Amino acid sequence: MEDAEAMAQVRDGRVERLAVVFERHHLYLFNYFLGQTRQRGASEDLVQEVFLRLLRYRASYRPGAPFAPWLWQIARNVHRDHVATQRPSQPLDEVHESMSDGQDGAEVHLMRTQDTTRLQSALARLDPAKRDLLLLSRNPDLPYKDLAQLLGCSVGALKVQVHRALKELRTVYLELHGGLP
């Protein structure tokens, strides 16, 4: 069952179909929120809020319309509302943990963990709009066509924005870590 079909059924009162949508998207949403907040607990709460809003606003879903832009607009609104309720100086208390597949040695695992931490630090220093763009553009469930629709621009303009944001991320990363890639 496609997402749009499942959501159309949810819209028509078959709310149990939301489980299908949840199974397909909750990890992508969690990773998006984790990239934004760097807080595991807050990210879990934000994912729950997205699905509560999907249920609450199910009547606003237009059957036949692409599902992904609608879902991700709700996710962006949930994050925006979350940021608006937080204190400006809230500490970043949890850092994304790198997972090892057990086949790498301790040294390789340590290097991956350090790289992940460095990247998260650089990402946190980007302008929130650019961080949002990069996190959304890395979602395999959200093709550039749908992301461009979500952001109200052409695919070409989106590619330029992503390229510029990646270039800025690279600059910040290198500045933070003494020019070491």
C-alpha atoms as a PDB file:
ATOM      1  CA  MET A   1       0.000   0.000   0.000  1.00  0.00           C
ATOM      2  CA  GLU A   2       1.320   3.424  -0.970  1.00  0.00           C
ATOM      3  CA  ASP A   3       1.580   6.235   1.579  1.00  0.00           C
ATOM      4  CA  ALA A   4      -0.967   8.390  -0.232  1.00  0.00           C
ATOM      5  CA  GLU A   5      -3.454   5.520  -0.299  1.00  0.00           C
ATOM      6  CA  ALA A   6      -2.920   4.738   3.399  1.00  0.00           C
ATOM      7  CA  MET A   7      -3.338   8.402   4.326  1.00  0.00           C
ATOM      8  CA  ALA A   8      -6.479   8.658   2.214  1.00  0.00           C
ATOM      9  CA  GLN A   9      -7.900   5.748   4.197  1.00  0.00           C
ATOM     10  CA  VAL A  10      -6.884   7.436   7.481  1.00  0.00           C
ATOM     11  CA  ARG A  11      -8.614  10.564   6.242  1.00  0.00           C
ATOM     12  CA  ASP A  12     -11.751   8.536   5.596  1.00  0.00           C
ATOM     13  CA  GLY A  13     -11.806   7.186   9.156  1.00  0.00           C
ATOM     14  CA  ARG A  14      -9.642   4.059   9.014  1.00  0.00           C
ATOM     15  CA  VAL A  15      -7.171   5.416  11.554  1.00  0.00           C
ATOM     16  CA  GLU A  16      -5.535   2.008  12.015  1.00  0.00           C
ATOM     17  CA  ARG A  17      -3.866   2.612   8.610  1.00  0.00           C
ATOM     18  CA  LEU A  18      -1.730   5.257  10.286  1.00  0.00           C
ATOM     19  CA  ALA A  19       0.388   2.330  11.540  1.00  0.00           C
ATOM     20  CA  VAL A  20       1.494   1.697   7.941  1.00  0.00           C
ATOM     21  CA  VAL A  21       2.617   5.304   7.584  1.00  0.00           C
ATOM     22  CA  PHE A  22       4.305   5.209  11.000  1.00  0.00           C
ATOM     23  CA  GLU A  23       6.332   2.103  10.143  1.00  0.00           C
ATOM     24  CA  ARG A  24       7.612   3.662   6.926  1.00  0.00           C
ATOM     25  CA  HIS A  25       8.502   7.106   8.230  1.00  0.00           C
ATOM     26  CA  HIS A  26       9.189   7.153  11.965  1.00  0.00           C
ATOM     27  CA  LEU A  27      12.931   6.430  11.651  1.00  0.00           C
ATOM     28  CA  TYR A  28      13.425   9.121   8.991  1.00  0.00           C
ATOM     29  CA  LEU A  29      11.547  11.595  11.151  1.00  0.00           C
ATOM     30  CA  PHE A  30      13.505  10.594  14.250  1.00  0.00           C
ATOM     31  CA  ASN A  31      16.834  11.077  12.448  1.00  0.00           C
ATOM     32  CA  TYR A  32      15.670  14.446  11.100  1.00  0.00           C
ATOM     33  CA  PHE A  33      14.697  15.627  14.583  1.00  0.00           C
ATOM     34  CA  LEU A  34      17.860  14.185  16.117  1.00  0.00           C
ATOM     35  CA  GLY A  35      19.878  16.164  13.601  1.00  0.00           C
ATOM     36  CA  GLN A  36      17.963  19.292  14.548  1.00  0.00           C
ATOM     37  CA  THR A  37      17.814  18.933  18.330  1.00  0.00           C
ATOM     38  CA  ARG A  38      20.674  16.529  19.142  1.00  0.00           C
ATOM     39  CA  GLN A  39      18.424  15.241  21.937  1.00  0.00           C
ATOM     40  CA  ARG A  40      17.166  11.687  21.744  1.00  0.00           C
ATOM     41  CA  GLY A  41      14.201  12.173  24.087  1.00  0.00           C
ATOM     42  CA  ALA A  42      13.043  15.364  22.407  1.00  0.00           C
ATOM     43  CA  SER A  43      13.345  13.704  19.001  1.00  0.00           C
ATOM     44  CA  GLU A  44      11.143  10.809  20.105  1.00  0.00           C
ATOM     45  CA  ASP A  45       8.566  13.264  21.438  1.00  0.00           C
ATOM     46  CA  LEU A  46       8.619  15.253  18.199  1.00  0.00           C
ATOM     47  CA  VAL A  47       8.024  12.108  16.125  1.00  0.00           C
ATOM     48  CA  GLN A  48       5.009  11.340  18.290  1.00  0.00           C
ATOM     49  CA  GLU A  49       3.755  14.881  17.826  1.00  0.00           C
ATOM     50  CA  VAL A  50       4.015  14.536  14.032  1.00  0.00           C
ATOM     51  CA  PHE A  51       1.790  11.466  14.081  1.00  0.00           C
ATOM     52  CA  LEU A  52      -0.660  13.106  16.473  1.00  0.00           C
ATOM     53  CA  ARG A  53      -0.930  15.997  14.053  1.00  0.00           C
ATOM     54  CA  LEU A  54      -1.338  13.632  11.109  1.00  0.00           C
ATOM     55  CA  LEU A  55      -4.289  12.181  12.925  1.00  0.00           C
ATOM     56  CA  ARG A  56      -5.641  15.543  14.080  1.00  0.00           C
ATOM     57  CA  TYR A  57      -5.338  17.180  10.636  1.00  0.00           C
ATOM     58  CA  ARG A  58      -6.127  14.112   8.524  1.00  0.00           C
ATOM     59  CA  ALA A  59      -9.089  15.922   6.947  1.00  0.00           C
ATOM     60  CA  SER A  60      -6.676  18.431   5.393  1.00  0.00           C
ATOM     61  CA  TYR A  61      -4.903  15.723   3.404  1.00  0.00           C
ATOM     62  CA  ARG A  62      -5.932  15.849  -0.249  1.00  0.00           C
ATOM     63  CA  PRO A  63      -6.175  12.344  -1.727  1.00  0.00           C
ATOM     64  CA  GLY A  64      -4.139  12.134  -4.901  1.00  0.00           C
ATOM     65  CA  ALA A  65      -1.703  14.820  -3.747  1.00  0.00           C
ATOM     66  CA  PRO A  66       1.874  13.749  -2.998  1.00  0.00           C
ATOM     67  CA  PHE A  67       2.136  12.541   0.579  1.00  0.00           C
ATOM     68  CA  ALA A  68       5.805  13.284   1.360  1.00  0.00           C
ATOM     69  CA  PRO A  69       5.639  17.105   1.089  1.00  0.00           C
ATOM     70  CA  TRP A  70       2.552  17.163   3.320  1.00  0.00           C
ATOM     71  CA  LEU A  71       4.229  14.927   5.946  1.00  0.00           C
ATOM     72  CA  TRP A  72       7.471  16.891   5.958  1.00  0.00           C
ATOM     73  CA  GLN A  73       5.697  20.233   6.174  1.00  0.00           C
ATOM     74  CA  ILE A  74       3.992  18.954   9.306  1.00  0.00           C
ATOM     75  CA  ALA A  75       7.372  17.764  10.638  1.00  0.00           C
ATOM     76  CA  ARG A  76       8.938  21.166   9.956  1.00  0.00           C
ATOM     77  CA  ASN A  77       6.023  22.877  11.712  1.00  0.00           C
ATOM     78  CA  VAL A  78       6.408  20.565  14.709  1.00  0.00           C
ATOM     79  CA  HIS A  79      10.112  21.434  14.915  1.00  0.00           C
ATOM     80  CA  ARG A  80       9.415  25.152  14.530  1.00  0.00           C
ATOM     81  CA  ASP A  81       6.861  25.002  17.346  1.00  0.00           C
ATOM     82  CA  HIS A  82       9.321  23.061  19.501  1.00  0.00           C
ATOM     83  CA  VAL A  83      12.053  25.655  18.962  1.00  0.00           C
ATOM     84  CA  ALA A  84       9.628  28.470  19.806  1.00  0.00           C
ATOM     85  CA  THR A  85       8.899  26.910  23.203  1.00  0.00           C
ATOM     86  CA  GLN A  86      12.546  26.282  24.152  1.00  0.00           C
ATOM     87  CA  ARG A  87      14.841  28.607  26.016  1.00  0.00           C
ATOM     88  CA  PRO A  88      17.413  30.167  23.658  1.00  0.00           C
ATOM     89  CA  SER A  89      20.381  28.873  25.655  1.00  0.00           C
ATOM     90  CA  GLN A  90      19.225  25.277  26.018  1.00  0.00           C
ATOM     91  CA  PRO A  91      22.280  22.997  26.265  1.00  0.00           C
ATOM     92  CA  LEU A  92      22.852  20.250  23.741  1.00  0.00           C
ATOM     93  CA  ASP A  93      22.840  17.364  26.165  1.00  0.00           C
ATOM     94  CA  GLU A  94      22.892  14.309  23.940  1.00  0.00           C
ATOM     95  CA  VAL A  95      25.157  13.725  20.989  1.00  0.00           C
ATOM     96  CA  HIS A  96      24.260  11.275  18.260  1.00  0.00           C
ATOM     97  CA  GLU A  97      25.923   7.978  18.999  1.00  0.00           C
ATOM     98  CA  SER A  98      27.721   6.177  16.230  1.00  0.00           C
ATOM     99  CA  MET A  99      26.843   2.525  15.949  1.00  0.00           C
ATOM    100  CA  SER A 100      29.457  -0.081  15.168  1.00  0.00           C
ATOM    101  CA  ASP A 101      28.630  -3.181  13.175  1.00  0.00           C
ATOM    102  CA  GLY A 102      31.021  -5.207  15.314  1.00  0.00           C
ATOM    103  CA  GLN A 103      33.387  -5.922  12.426  1.00  0.00           C
ATOM    104  CA  ASP A 104      35.507  -2.813  12.782  1.00  0.00           C
ATOM    105  CA  GLY A 105      38.362  -2.528  15.188  1.00  0.00           C
ATOM    106  CA  ALA A 106      38.272  -0.159  18.137  1.00  0.00           C
ATOM    107  CA  GLU A 107      40.438   2.374  16.302  1.00  0.00           C
ATOM    108  CA  VAL A 108      38.104   2.544  13.287  1.00  0.00           C
ATOM    109  CA  HIS A 109      35.101   2.801  15.613  1.00  0.00           C
ATOM    110  CA  LEU A 110      36.754   5.660  17.510  1.00  0.00           C
ATOM    111  CA  MET A 111      37.540   7.503  14.271  1.00  0.00           C
ATOM    112  CA  ARG A 112      33.941   7.131  13.082  1.00  0.00           C
ATOM    113  CA  THR A 113      32.629   8.351  16.422  1.00  0.00           C
ATOM    114  CA  GLN A 114      34.944  11.376  16.317  1.00  0.00           C
ATOM    115  CA  ASP A 115      33.957  12.148  12.722  1.00  0.00           C
ATOM    116  CA  THR A 116      30.274  11.940  13.615  1.00  0.00           C
ATOM    117  CA  THR A 117      30.769  14.223  16.615  1.00  0.00           C
ATOM    118  CA  ARG A 118      32.726  16.731  14.506  1.00  0.00           C
ATOM    119  CA  LEU A 119      30.073  16.704  11.817  1.00  0.00           C
ATOM    120  CA  GLN A 120      27.293  17.195  14.373  1.00  0.00           C
ATOM    121  CA  SER A 121      29.177  20.159  15.856  1.00  0.00           C
ATOM    122  CA  ALA A 122      29.585  21.762  12.447  1.00  0.00           C
ATOM    123  CA  LEU A 123      25.958  21.089  11.574  1.00  0.00           C
ATOM    124  CA  ALA A 124      24.823  22.684  14.841  1.00  0.00           C
ATOM    125  CA  ARG A 125      26.670  25.885  13.908  1.00  0.00           C
ATOM    126  CA  LEU A 126      24.911  26.275  10.578  1.00  0.00           C
ATOM    127  CA  ASP A 127      21.996  28.618  10.146  1.00  0.00           C
ATOM    128  CA  PRO A 128      18.845  26.649  11.118  1.00  0.00           C
ATOM    129  CA  ALA A 129      17.370  26.999   7.615  1.00  0.00           C
ATOM    130  CA  LYS A 130      20.498  25.522   6.027  1.00  0.00           C
ATOM    131  CA  ARG A 131      20.646  22.716   8.605  1.00  0.00           C
ATOM    132  CA  ASP A 132      16.982  21.965   7.890  1.00  0.00           C
ATOM    133  CA  LEU A 133      17.661  21.916   4.144  1.00  0.00           C
ATOM    134  CA  LEU A 134      20.612  19.529   4.495  1.00  0.00           C
ATOM    135  CA  LEU A 135      18.770  17.162   6.808  1.00  0.00           C
ATOM    136  CA  LEU A 136      15.722  17.069   4.539  1.00  0.00           C
ATOM    137  CA  SER A 137      17.820  16.621   1.393  1.00  0.00           C
ATOM    138  CA  ARG A 138      19.461  13.509   2.847  1.00  0.00           C
ATOM    139  CA  ASN A 139      16.146  11.774   3.383  1.00  0.00           C
ATOM    140  CA  PRO A 140      15.844   8.971   0.811  1.00  0.00           C
ATOM    141  CA  ASP A 141      12.078   9.050   1.260  1.00  0.00           C
ATOM    142  CA  LEU A 142      11.850  12.665   0.091  1.00  0.00           C
ATOM    143  CA  PRO A 143      12.963  13.058  -3.537  1.00  0.00           C
ATOM    144  CA  TYR A 144      14.216  16.446  -4.701  1.00  0.00           C
ATOM    145  CA  LYS A 145      11.008  16.970  -6.695  1.00  0.00           C
ATOM    146  CA  ASP A 146       8.920  16.688  -3.527  1.00  0.00           C
ATOM    147  CA  LEU A 147      11.402  18.681  -1.437  1.00  0.00           C
ATOM    148  CA  ALA A 148      11.375  21.469  -4.021  1.00  0.00           C
ATOM    149  CA  GLN A 149       7.571  21.505  -3.835  1.00  0.00           C
ATOM    150  CA  LEU A 150       7.746  21.623  -0.037  1.00  0.00           C
ATOM    151  CA  LEU A 151      10.147  24.568  -0.125  1.00  0.00           C
ATOM    152  CA  GLY A 152       8.348  26.348  -2.970  1.00  0.00           C
ATOM    153  CA  CYS A 153      11.206  26.391  -5.460  1.00  0.00           C
ATOM    154  CA  SER A 154      12.368  24.583  -8.579  1.00  0.00           C
ATOM    155  CA  VAL A 155      14.486  21.446  -8.443  1.00  0.00           C
ATOM    156  CA  GLY A 156      17.374  23.377  -9.995  1.00  0.00           C
ATOM    157  CA  ALA A 157      17.182  26.088  -7.331  1.00  0.00           C
ATOM    158  CA  LEU A 158      17.007  23.409  -4.642  1.00  0.00           C
ATOM    159  CA  LYS A 159      20.174  21.745  -5.940  1.00  0.00           C
ATOM    160  CA  VAL A 160      21.981  25.083  -5.843  1.00  0.00           C
ATOM    161  CA  GLN A 161      20.808  25.714  -2.260  1.00  0.00           C
ATOM    162  CA  VAL A 162      21.901  22.243  -1.142  1.00  0.00           C
ATOM    163  CA  HIS A 163      25.285  22.667  -2.826  1.00  0.00           C
ATOM    164  CA  ARG A 164      25.837  26.012  -1.103  1.00  0.00           C
ATOM    165  CA  ALA A 165      24.751  24.643   2.270  1.00  0.00           C
ATOM    166  CA  LEU A 166      27.130  21.666   1.887  1.00  0.00           C
ATOM    167  CA  LYS A 167      29.936  24.018   0.941  1.00  0.00           C
ATOM    168  CA  GLU A 168      29.258  26.111   4.055  1.00  0.00           C
ATOM    169  CA  LEU A 169      29.087  22.972   6.210  1.00  0.00           C
ATOM    170  CA  ARG A 170      32.477  21.891   4.881  1.00  0.00           C
ATOM    171  CA  THR A 171      33.948  25.322   5.658  1.00  0.00           C
ATOM    172  CA  VAL A 172      32.569  25.289   9.210  1.00  0.00           C
ATOM    173  CA  TYR A 173      33.752  21.711   9.724  1.00  0.00           C
ATOM    174  CA  LEU A 174      37.287  22.590   8.631  1.00  0.00           C
ATOM    175  CA  GLU A 175      37.333  25.783  10.721  1.00  0.00           C
ATOM    176  CA  LEU A 176      36.219  23.918  13.833  1.00  0.00           C
ATOM    177  CA  HIS A 177      38.773  21.181  13.458  1.00  0.00           C
ATOM    178  CA  GLY A 178      41.899  22.926  12.330  1.00  0.00           C
ATOM    179  CA  GLY A 179      41.648  22.188   8.635  1.00  0.00           C
ATOM    180  CA  LEU A 180      41.672  18.434   9.175  1.00  0.00           C
ATOM    181  CA  PRO A 181      39.074  16.728   6.970  1.00  0.00           C
END
